[in-house]
PDB file of N, CA and C in Angstrom:
ATOM      1  N   UNK A   1      17.096  24.446   7.538  1.00  0.00           N
ATOM      2  CA  UNK A   1      17.196  23.245   6.585  1.00  0.00           C
ATOM      3  C   UNK A   1      17.810  22.038   6.762  1.00  0.00           C
ATOM      4  N   UNK A   2      19.002  22.892   5.899  1.00  0.00           N
ATOM      5  CA  UNK A   2      20.111  22.118   5.908  1.00  0.00           C
ATOM      6  C   UNK A   2      21.087  21.918   7.420  1.00  0.00           C
ATOM      7  N   UNK A   3      20.973  22.964   7.937  1.00  0.00           N
ATOM      8  CA  UNK A   3      21.069  22.723   9.540  1.00  0.00           C
ATOM      9  C   UNK A   3      20.905  21.691  10.461  1.00  0.00           C
ATOM     10  N   UNK A   4      18.917  21.144   9.751  1.00  0.00           N
ATOM     11  CA  UNK A   4      18.452  19.848  10.705  1.00  0.00           C
ATOM     12  C   UNK A   4      18.958  18.437   9.790  1.00  0.00           C
ATOM     13  N   UNK A   5      19.903  19.088   8.310  1.00  0.00           N
ATOM     14  CA  UNK A   5      19.955  17.628   7.635  1.00  0.00           C
ATOM     15  C   UNK A   5      21.529  17.287   8.318  1.00  0.00           C
ATOM     16  N   UNK A   6      22.221  18.129   8.619  1.00  0.00           N
ATOM     17  CA  UNK A   6      23.903  18.234   9.579  1.00  0.00           C
ATOM     18  C   UNK A   6      23.570  17.464  10.485  1.00  0.00           C
ATOM     19  N   UNK A   7      22.351  17.840  11.113  1.00  0.00           N
ATOM     20  CA  UNK A   7      22.585  17.351  12.453  1.00  0.00           C
ATOM     21  C   UNK A   7      22.217  16.056  12.759  1.00  0.00           C
ATOM     22  N   UNK A   8      21.232  15.594  11.373  1.00  0.00           N
ATOM     23  CA  UNK A   8      20.766  14.569  11.614  1.00  0.00           C
ATOM     24  C   UNK A   8      21.785  13.802  11.003  1.00  0.00           C
ATOM     25  N   UNK A   9      23.068  14.244  10.678  1.00  0.00           N
ATOM     26  CA  UNK A   9      23.857  13.151   9.704  1.00  0.00           C
ATOM     27  C   UNK A   9      24.261  11.796  10.803  1.00  0.00           C
ATOM     28  N   UNK A  10      24.607  12.698  12.343  1.00  0.00           N
ATOM     29  CA  UNK A  10      25.489  11.061  12.845  1.00  0.00           C
ATOM     30  C   UNK A  10      24.325  10.219  13.103  1.00  0.00           C
ATOM     31  N   UNK A  11      22.993  10.151  13.317  1.00  0.00           N
ATOM     32  CA  UNK A  11      22.392   9.725  13.618  1.00  0.00           C
ATOM     33  C   UNK A  11      21.683   8.651  12.689  1.00  0.00           C
ATOM     34  N   UNK A  12      21.870   9.246  11.451  1.00  0.00           N
ATOM     35  CA  UNK A  12      21.941   8.474  10.244  1.00  0.00           C
ATOM     36  C   UNK A  12      22.955   7.705   9.831  1.00  0.00           C
ATOM     37  N   UNK A  13      23.962   8.010   9.984  1.00  0.00           N
ATOM     38  CA  UNK A  13      25.202   7.266  10.281  1.00  0.00           C
ATOM     39  C   UNK A  13      25.051   6.026  11.349  1.00  0.00           C
ATOM     40  N   UNK A  14      24.835   6.365  12.171  1.00  0.00           N
ATOM     41  CA  UNK A  14      24.812   5.537  13.089  1.00  0.00           C
ATOM     42  C   UNK A  14      23.251   3.942  13.387  1.00  0.00           C
ATOM     43  N   UNK A  15      22.910   4.674  12.048  1.00  0.00           N
ATOM     44  CA  UNK A  15      21.782   3.223  12.153  1.00  0.00           C
ATOM     45  C   UNK A  15      21.973   2.450  11.579  1.00  0.00           C
ATOM     46  N   UNK A  16      21.984   0.821  12.204  1.00  0.00           N
ATOM     47  CA  UNK A  16      22.397  -0.149  11.383  1.00  0.00           C
ATOM     48  C   UNK A  16      21.242  -0.779  10.098  1.00  0.00           C
ATOM     49  N   UNK A  17      22.050  -1.796   9.737  1.00  0.00           N
ATOM     50  CA  UNK A  17      21.289  -1.535   8.352  1.00  0.00           C
ATOM     51  C   UNK A  17      19.803  -2.467   8.977  1.00  0.00           C
ATOM     52  N   UNK A  18      19.754  -3.286  10.114  1.00  0.00           N
ATOM     53  CA  UNK A  18      18.632  -3.551  10.682  1.00  0.00           C
ATOM     54  C   UNK A  18      17.289  -2.485  10.735  1.00  0.00           C
ATOM     55  N   UNK A  19      18.197  -1.350  11.544  1.00  0.00           N
ATOM     56  CA  UNK A  19      17.171   0.094  11.516  1.00  0.00           C
ATOM     57  C   UNK A  19      16.931   0.797  10.216  1.00  0.00           C
ATOM     58  N   UNK A  20      17.771   0.694   9.261  1.00  0.00           N
ATOM     59  CA  UNK A  20      17.189   0.715   7.921  1.00  0.00           C
ATOM     60  C   UNK A  20      16.684  -0.328   7.038  1.00  0.00           C
ATOM     61  N   UNK A  21      16.571  -1.198   7.252  1.00  0.00           N
ATOM     62  CA  UNK A  21      15.264  -2.697   6.942  1.00  0.00           C
ATOM     63  C   UNK A  21      14.078  -2.451   7.811  1.00  0.00           C
ATOM     64  N   UNK A  22      13.778  -1.881   8.682  1.00  0.00           N
ATOM     65  CA  UNK A  22      12.792  -1.510   9.825  1.00  0.00           C
ATOM     66  C   UNK A  22      12.053  -0.018   8.882  1.00  0.00           C
ATOM     67  N   UNK A  23      12.833   0.744   8.870  1.00  0.00           N
ATOM     68  CA  UNK A  23      11.751   1.483   8.310  1.00  0.00           C
ATOM     69  C   UNK A  23      11.762   1.746   6.570  1.00  0.00           C
ATOM     70  N   UNK A  24      12.530   1.155   6.051  1.00  0.00           N
ATOM     71  CA  UNK A  24      12.305   0.765   4.079  1.00  0.00           C
ATOM     72  C   UNK A  24      10.688   0.104   4.595  1.00  0.00           C
ATOM     73  N   UNK A  25      10.762  -1.068   5.457  1.00  0.00           N
ATOM     74  CA  UNK A  25       9.559  -1.884   5.868  1.00  0.00           C
ATOM     75  C   UNK A  25       8.644  -0.974   5.678  1.00  0.00           C
ATOM     76  N   UNK A  26       8.636  -0.020   7.348  1.00  0.00           N
ATOM     77  CA  UNK A  26       7.295   0.685   7.315  1.00  0.00           C
ATOM     78  C   UNK A  26       6.560   0.923   6.008  1.00  0.00           C
ATOM     79  N   UNK A  27       7.588   1.987   5.495  1.00  0.00           N
ATOM     80  CA  UNK A  27       7.284   2.724   3.792  1.00  0.00           C
ATOM     81  C   UNK A  27       6.626   1.445   3.157  1.00  0.00           C
ATOM     82  N   UNK A  28       7.233   0.830   2.865  1.00  0.00           N
ATOM     83  CA  UNK A  28       6.619  -0.323   2.024  1.00  0.00           C
ATOM     84  C   UNK A  28       5.303  -0.446   2.287  1.00  0.00           C
ATOM     85  N   UNK A  29       5.245  -0.884   3.439  1.00  0.00           N
ATOM     86  CA  UNK A  29       4.297  -1.330   3.890  1.00  0.00           C
ATOM     87  C   UNK A  29       2.425  -0.464   4.107  1.00  0.00           C
ATOM     88  N   UNK A  30       3.358   0.721   4.630  1.00  0.00           N
ATOM     89  CA  UNK A  30       2.157   1.969   4.371  1.00  0.00           C
ATOM     90  C   UNK A  30       2.042   2.814   2.789  1.00  0.00           C
ATOM     91  N   UNK A  31       2.500   2.480   1.918  1.00  0.00           N
ATOM     92  CA  UNK A  31       2.423   2.855   1.020  1.00  0.00           C
ATOM     93  C   UNK A  31       1.630   1.929   0.256  1.00  0.00           C
ATOM     94  N   UNK A  32       2.011   0.791   0.145  1.00  0.00           N
ATOM     95  CA  UNK A  32       0.759  -0.318  -0.310  1.00  0.00           C
ATOM     96  C   UNK A  32      -0.195  -0.414   0.340  1.00  0.00           C
ATOM     97  N   UNK A  33      -0.351  -0.308   1.811  1.00  0.00           N
ATOM     98  CA  UNK A  33      -1.223  -0.307   2.231  1.00  0.00           C
ATOM     99  C   UNK A  33      -2.663   1.141   1.241  1.00  0.00           C
ATOM    100  N   UNK A  34      -2.186   2.541   1.384  1.00  0.00           N
ATOM    101  CA  UNK A  34      -2.309   3.572   0.707  1.00  0.00           C
ATOM    102  C   UNK A  34      -2.980   3.419  -0.149  1.00  0.00           C
ATOM    103  N   UNK A  35      -2.134   2.734  -1.141  1.00  0.00           N
ATOM    104  CA  UNK A  35      -2.232   2.895  -2.579  1.00  0.00           C
ATOM    105  C   UNK A  35      -3.666   1.767  -2.430  1.00  0.00           C
ATOM    106  N   UNK A  36      -3.659   0.244  -2.108  1.00  0.00           N
ATOM    107  CA  UNK A  36      -4.908  -0.274  -1.882  1.00  0.00           C
ATOM    108  C   UNK A  36      -5.608   0.054  -1.644  1.00  0.00           C
ATOM    109  N   UNK A  37      -5.711   1.267  -0.620  1.00  0.00           N
ATOM    110  CA  UNK A  37      -7.011   1.541   0.007  1.00  0.00           C
ATOM    111  C   UNK A  37      -8.039   2.190  -0.913  1.00  0.00           C
ATOM    112  N   UNK A  38      -6.701   3.201  -1.403  1.00  0.00           N
ATOM    113  CA  UNK A  38      -7.321   4.483  -2.189  1.00  0.00           C
ATOM    114  C   UNK A  38      -8.084   3.965  -3.489  1.00  0.00           C
ATOM    115  N   UNK A  39      -7.703   2.190  -4.399  1.00  0.00           N
ATOM    116  CA  UNK A  39      -7.741   2.019  -5.091  1.00  0.00           C
ATOM    117  C   UNK A  39      -9.379   0.940  -5.065  1.00  0.00           C
ATOM    118  N   UNK A  40      -9.727   0.746  -3.781  1.00  0.00           N
ATOM    119  CA  UNK A  40     -10.416   0.136  -3.207  1.00  0.00           C
ATOM    120  C   UNK A  40     -11.598   1.123  -3.304  1.00  0.00           C
ATOM    121  N   UNK A  41     -11.508   2.081  -2.731  1.00  0.00           N
ATOM    122  CA  UNK A  41     -12.503   3.282  -2.320  1.00  0.00           C
ATOM    123  C   UNK A  41     -12.974   4.002  -3.827  1.00  0.00           C
ATOM    124  N   UNK A  42     -11.951   3.875  -4.997  1.00  0.00           N
ATOM    125  CA  UNK A  42     -12.381   4.344  -6.371  1.00  0.00           C
ATOM    126  C   UNK A  42     -13.310   3.170  -7.295  1.00  0.00           C
ATOM    127  N   UNK A  43     -13.096   2.487  -7.016  1.00  0.00           N
ATOM    128  CA  UNK A  43     -13.414   1.128  -7.691  1.00  0.00           C
ATOM    129  C   UNK A  43     -15.178   0.947  -6.862  1.00  0.00           C
ATOM    130  N   UNK A  44     -14.748   0.811  -5.606  1.00  0.00           N
ATOM    131  CA  UNK A  44     -16.363   0.525  -5.100  1.00  0.00           C
ATOM    132  C   UNK A  44     -17.206   2.387  -5.802  1.00  0.00           C
ATOM    133  N   UNK A  45     -16.778   3.353  -5.396  1.00  0.00           N
ATOM    134  CA  UNK A  45     -17.653   4.274  -5.621  1.00  0.00           C
ATOM    135  C   UNK A  45     -18.028   4.368  -7.438  1.00  0.00           C
ATOM    136  N   UNK A  46     -16.776   3.987  -8.373  1.00  0.00           N
ATOM    137  CA  UNK A  46     -17.343   3.712  -9.682  1.00  0.00           C
ATOM    138  C   UNK A  46     -18.729   2.929  -9.773  1.00  0.00           C
ATOM    139  N   UNK A  47     -18.806   1.485  -9.195  1.00  0.00           N
ATOM    140  CA  UNK A  47     -19.251   0.889  -9.708  1.00  0.00           C
ATOM    141  C   UNK A  47     -20.900   0.692  -8.642  1.00  0.00           C
ATOM    142  N   UNK A  48     -20.750   1.818  -7.690  1.00  0.00           N
ATOM    143  CA  UNK A  48     -21.824   2.255  -6.985  1.00  0.00           C
ATOM    144  C   UNK A  48     -22.655   3.326  -8.003  1.00  0.00           C
ATOM    145  N   UNK A  49     -21.425   3.880  -8.400  1.00  0.00           N
ATOM    146  CA  UNK A  49     -22.116   5.345  -9.426  1.00  0.00           C
ATOM    147  C   UNK A  49     -22.694   4.261 -10.749  1.00  0.00           C
ATOM    148  N   UNK A  50     -22.584   3.608 -11.071  1.00  0.00           N
ATOM    149  CA  UNK A  50     -21.744   2.413 -12.644  1.00  0.00           C
ATOM    150  C   UNK A  50     -23.790   1.608 -12.378  1.00  0.00           C
ATOM    151  N   UNK A  51     -23.942   1.362 -10.847  1.00  0.00           N
ATOM    152  CA  UNK A  51     -24.922   0.993 -10.728  1.00  0.00           C
ATOM    153  C   UNK A  51     -26.361   1.443 -10.527  1.00  0.00           C
ATOM    154  N   UNK A  52     -25.764   3.003  -9.970  1.00  0.00           N
ATOM    155  CA  UNK A  52     -27.396   3.418 -10.053  1.00  0.00           C
ATOM    156  C   UNK A  52     -27.649   4.235 -11.207  1.00  0.00           C
ATOM    157  N   UNK A  53     -26.924   4.395 -11.824  1.00  0.00           N
ATOM    158  CA  UNK A  53     -27.672   4.025 -13.299  1.00  0.00           C
ATOM    159  C   UNK A  53     -28.078   3.646 -14.266  1.00  0.00           C
ATOM    160  N   UNK A  54     -27.662   2.190 -13.906  1.00  0.00           N
ATOM    161  CA  UNK A  54     -28.036   1.102 -14.754  1.00  0.00           C
ATOM    162  C   UNK A  54     -28.416  -0.386 -13.796  1.00  0.00           C
ATOM    163  N   UNK A  55     -29.636   0.014 -12.869  1.00  0.00           N
ATOM    164  CA  UNK A  55     -29.953  -0.708 -12.391  1.00  0.00           C
ATOM    165  C   UNK A  55     -29.868  -2.510 -13.041  1.00  0.00           C
ATOM    166  N   UNK A  56     -29.948  -2.778 -13.890  1.00  0.00           N
ATOM    167  CA  UNK A  56     -30.276  -3.478 -14.552  1.00  0.00           C
ATOM    168  C   UNK A  56     -28.953  -4.724 -15.222  1.00  0.00           C
ATOM    169  N   UNK A  57     -27.959  -4.048 -14.654  1.00  0.00           N
ATOM    170  CA  UNK A  57     -26.965  -4.798 -14.428  1.00  0.00           C
ATOM    171  C   UNK A  57     -25.819  -4.359 -13.178  1.00  0.00           C
ATOM    172  N   UNK A  58     -26.670  -4.748 -12.258  1.00  0.00           N
ATOM    173  CA  UNK A  58     -26.024  -4.568 -11.390  1.00  0.00           C
ATOM    174  C   UNK A  58     -25.217  -6.377 -10.749  1.00  0.00           C
ATOM    175  N   UNK A  59     -25.914  -7.205 -11.141  1.00  0.00           N
ATOM    176  CA  UNK A  59     -25.704  -8.379 -10.678  1.00  0.00           C
ATOM    177  C   UNK A  59     -24.008  -8.530 -11.418  1.00  0.00           C
ATOM    178  N   UNK A  60     -23.400  -8.180 -12.731  1.00  0.00           N
ATOM    179  CA  UNK A  60     -22.325  -8.725 -13.469  1.00  0.00           C
ATOM    180  C   UNK A  60     -21.362  -7.557 -12.894  1.00  0.00           C
ATOM    181  N   UNK A  61     -21.883  -6.177 -11.967  1.00  0.00           N
ATOM    182  CA  UNK A  61     -21.389  -4.948 -11.515  1.00  0.00           C
ATOM    183  C   UNK A  61     -20.153  -6.021  -9.809  1.00  0.00           C
ATOM    184  N   UNK A  62     -21.705  -6.738  -8.890  1.00  0.00           N
ATOM    185  CA  UNK A  62     -20.559  -7.193  -8.025  1.00  0.00           C
ATOM    186  C   UNK A  62     -19.469  -8.418  -8.779  1.00  0.00           C
ATOM    187  N   UNK A  63     -20.206  -9.085  -9.503  1.00  0.00           N
ATOM    188  CA  UNK A  63     -19.004  -9.802  -9.416  1.00  0.00           C
ATOM    189  C   UNK A  63     -17.544  -9.450 -10.503  1.00  0.00           C
ATOM    190  N   UNK A  64     -18.269  -8.256 -11.038  1.00  0.00           N
ATOM    191  CA  UNK A  64     -16.460  -7.656 -11.548  1.00  0.00           C
ATOM    192  C   UNK A  64     -16.151  -6.692 -10.350  1.00  0.00           C
ATOM    193  N   UNK A  65     -16.620  -6.328  -9.378  1.00  0.00           N
ATOM    194  CA  UNK A  65     -16.610  -5.645  -8.404  1.00  0.00           C
ATOM    195  C   UNK A  65     -15.235  -6.563  -7.412  1.00  0.00           C
ATOM    196  N   UNK A  66     -16.167  -7.731  -6.829  1.00  0.00           N
ATOM    197  CA  UNK A  66     -15.571  -8.690  -6.460  1.00  0.00           C
ATOM    198  C   UNK A  66     -14.426  -8.872  -6.985  1.00  0.00           C
ATOM    199  N   UNK A  67     -14.396  -8.845  -8.096  1.00  0.00           N
ATOM    200  CA  UNK A  67     -12.712  -9.847  -8.792  1.00  0.00           C
ATOM    201  C   UNK A  67     -11.645  -8.600  -8.435  1.00  0.00           C
ATOM    202  N   UNK A  68     -12.231  -7.154  -9.047  1.00  0.00           N
ATOM    203  CA  UNK A  68     -11.107  -6.004  -8.835  1.00  0.00           C
ATOM    204  C   UNK A  68     -10.575  -5.813  -7.575  1.00  0.00           C
ATOM    205  N   UNK A  69     -11.692  -5.689  -7.242  1.00  0.00           N
ATOM    206  CA  UNK A  69     -11.353  -5.631  -5.147  1.00  0.00           C
ATOM    207  C   UNK A  69     -10.072  -6.838  -4.611  1.00  0.00           C
ATOM    208  N   UNK A  70     -10.205  -8.322  -5.316  1.00  0.00           N
ATOM    209  CA  UNK A  70      -9.400  -8.925  -5.131  1.00  0.00           C
ATOM    210  C   UNK A  70      -8.470  -9.153  -5.400  1.00  0.00           C
ATOM    211  N   UNK A  71      -8.234  -8.288  -6.833  1.00  0.00           N
ATOM    212  CA  UNK A  71      -6.678  -7.859  -7.474  1.00  0.00           C
ATOM    213  C   UNK A  71      -6.029  -6.979  -6.326  1.00  0.00           C
ATOM    214  N   UNK A  72      -6.845  -5.855  -6.740  1.00  0.00           N
ATOM    215  CA  UNK A  72      -6.164  -4.497  -5.528  1.00  0.00           C
ATOM    216  C   UNK A  72      -5.570  -4.952  -4.070  1.00  0.00           C
ATOM    217  N   UNK A  73      -6.188  -5.712  -3.774  1.00  0.00           N
ATOM    218  CA  UNK A  73      -5.968  -5.850  -2.533  1.00  0.00           C
ATOM    219  C   UNK A  73      -4.837  -7.526  -2.678  1.00  0.00           C
ATOM    220  N   UNK A  74      -4.298  -7.050  -4.224  1.00  0.00           N
ATOM    221  CA  UNK A  74      -3.474  -8.139  -3.519  1.00  0.00           C
ATOM    222  C   UNK A  74      -1.789  -7.145  -3.787  1.00  0.00           C
ATOM    223  N   UNK A  75      -1.666  -6.067  -4.096  1.00  0.00           N
ATOM    224  CA  UNK A  75      -0.889  -4.497  -3.828  1.00  0.00           C
ATOM    225  C   UNK A  75      -0.477  -4.800  -1.707  1.00  0.00           C
ATOM    226  N   UNK A  76      -1.381  -4.746  -1.570  1.00  0.00           N
ATOM    227  CA  UNK A  76      -1.480  -4.923  -0.298  1.00  0.00           C
ATOM    228  C   UNK A  76      -0.689  -6.145   0.187  1.00  0.00           C
ATOM    229  N   UNK A  77      -1.257  -6.881   0.040  1.00  0.00           N
ATOM    230  CA  UNK A  77      -0.617  -8.424   0.394  1.00  0.00           C
ATOM    231  C   UNK A  77       0.996  -8.527  -0.465  1.00  0.00           C
ATOM    232  N   UNK A  78       0.711  -7.739  -1.809  1.00  0.00           N
ATOM    233  CA  UNK A  78       2.702  -7.727  -2.593  1.00  0.00           C
ATOM    234  C   UNK A  78       3.565  -6.376  -0.930  1.00  0.00           C
ATOM    235  N   UNK A  79       2.924  -6.024  -0.703  1.00  0.00           N
ATOM    236  CA  UNK A  79       3.710  -5.250   0.240  1.00  0.00           C
ATOM    237  C   UNK A  79       3.957  -5.624   1.745  1.00  0.00           C
ATOM    238  N   UNK A  80       2.997  -5.983   2.204  1.00  0.00           N
ATOM    239  CA  UNK A  80       3.422  -6.889   3.550  1.00  0.00           C
ATOM    240  C   UNK A  80       4.493  -8.452   2.613  1.00  0.00           C
ATOM    241  N   UNK A  81       4.223  -8.721   1.827  1.00  0.00           N
ATOM    242  CA  UNK A  81       5.554  -9.673   1.647  1.00  0.00           C
ATOM    243  C   UNK A  81       7.098  -9.154   1.573  1.00  0.00           C
ATOM    244  N   UNK A  82       7.080  -7.960   0.831  1.00  0.00           N
ATOM    245  CA  UNK A  82       8.328  -7.334   0.664  1.00  0.00           C
ATOM    246  C   UNK A  82       8.679  -7.005   2.145  1.00  0.00           C
ATOM    247  N   UNK A  83       7.559  -6.010   2.561  1.00  0.00           N
ATOM    248  CA  UNK A  83       8.029  -5.514   4.033  1.00  0.00           C
ATOM    249  C   UNK A  83       8.782  -7.187   4.821  1.00  0.00           C
ATOM    250  N   UNK A  84       8.233  -8.055   4.825  1.00  0.00           N
ATOM    251  CA  UNK A  84       8.880  -9.338   5.771  1.00  0.00           C
ATOM    252  C   UNK A  84       9.897  -9.611   5.119  1.00  0.00           C
ATOM    253  N   UNK A  85      10.396  -9.320   4.374  1.00  0.00           N
ATOM    254  CA  UNK A  85      11.103  -9.706   3.102  1.00  0.00           C
ATOM    255  C   UNK A  85      12.573  -8.938   4.060  1.00  0.00           C
ATOM    256  N   UNK A  86      12.164  -7.658   3.990  1.00  0.00           N
ATOM    257  CA  UNK A  86      13.167  -6.837   4.582  1.00  0.00           C
ATOM    258  C   UNK A  86      13.354  -6.821   5.701  1.00  0.00           C
ATOM    259  N   UNK A  87      12.605  -7.030   6.594  1.00  0.00           N
ATOM    260  CA  UNK A  87      13.222  -7.559   7.912  1.00  0.00           C
ATOM    261  C   UNK A  87      13.742  -8.415   8.532  1.00  0.00           C
ATOM    262  N   UNK A  88      13.071  -9.454   7.600  1.00  0.00           N
ATOM    263  CA  UNK A  88      13.652 -10.844   7.746  1.00  0.00           C
ATOM    264  C   UNK A  88      14.946 -11.075   7.218  1.00  0.00           C
ATOM    265  N   UNK A  89      15.507 -10.874   6.263  1.00  0.00           N
ATOM    266  CA  UNK A  89      16.301 -11.166   5.078  1.00  0.00           C
ATOM    267  C   UNK A  89      17.196 -10.076   5.462  1.00  0.00           C
ATOM    268  N   UNK A  90      17.380  -8.905   5.833  1.00  0.00           N
ATOM    269  CA  UNK A  90      18.420  -8.010   5.912  1.00  0.00           C
ATOM    270  C   UNK A  90      19.110  -8.912   7.788  1.00  0.00           C
ATOM    271  N   UNK A  91      20.704  -8.377   7.581  1.00  0.00           N
ATOM    272  CA  UNK A  91      21.276  -8.884   8.773  1.00  0.00           C
ATOM    273  C   UNK A  91      21.956  -7.998   9.560  1.00  0.00           C
TER     274      UNK A  91
END
């Protein structure tokens, strides 16, 4: 493992700041997309389970689920904004 790191050090040292910013942007968008997708799936499965247990509250659940999906999607949007800032502001 150490030999791989030692061999990779010249490559890492040769990276310019724009290359590092691009890698950081890719990590930011992938983490944000994973987190928002996981949270949306969890919220939807919980809402479906609650609707199956108590069918009379389905209309309230739809409203709450839609609102929570909007807030969860903001995680992905914020990570996209961070990725754009990393790409376009680093010189």
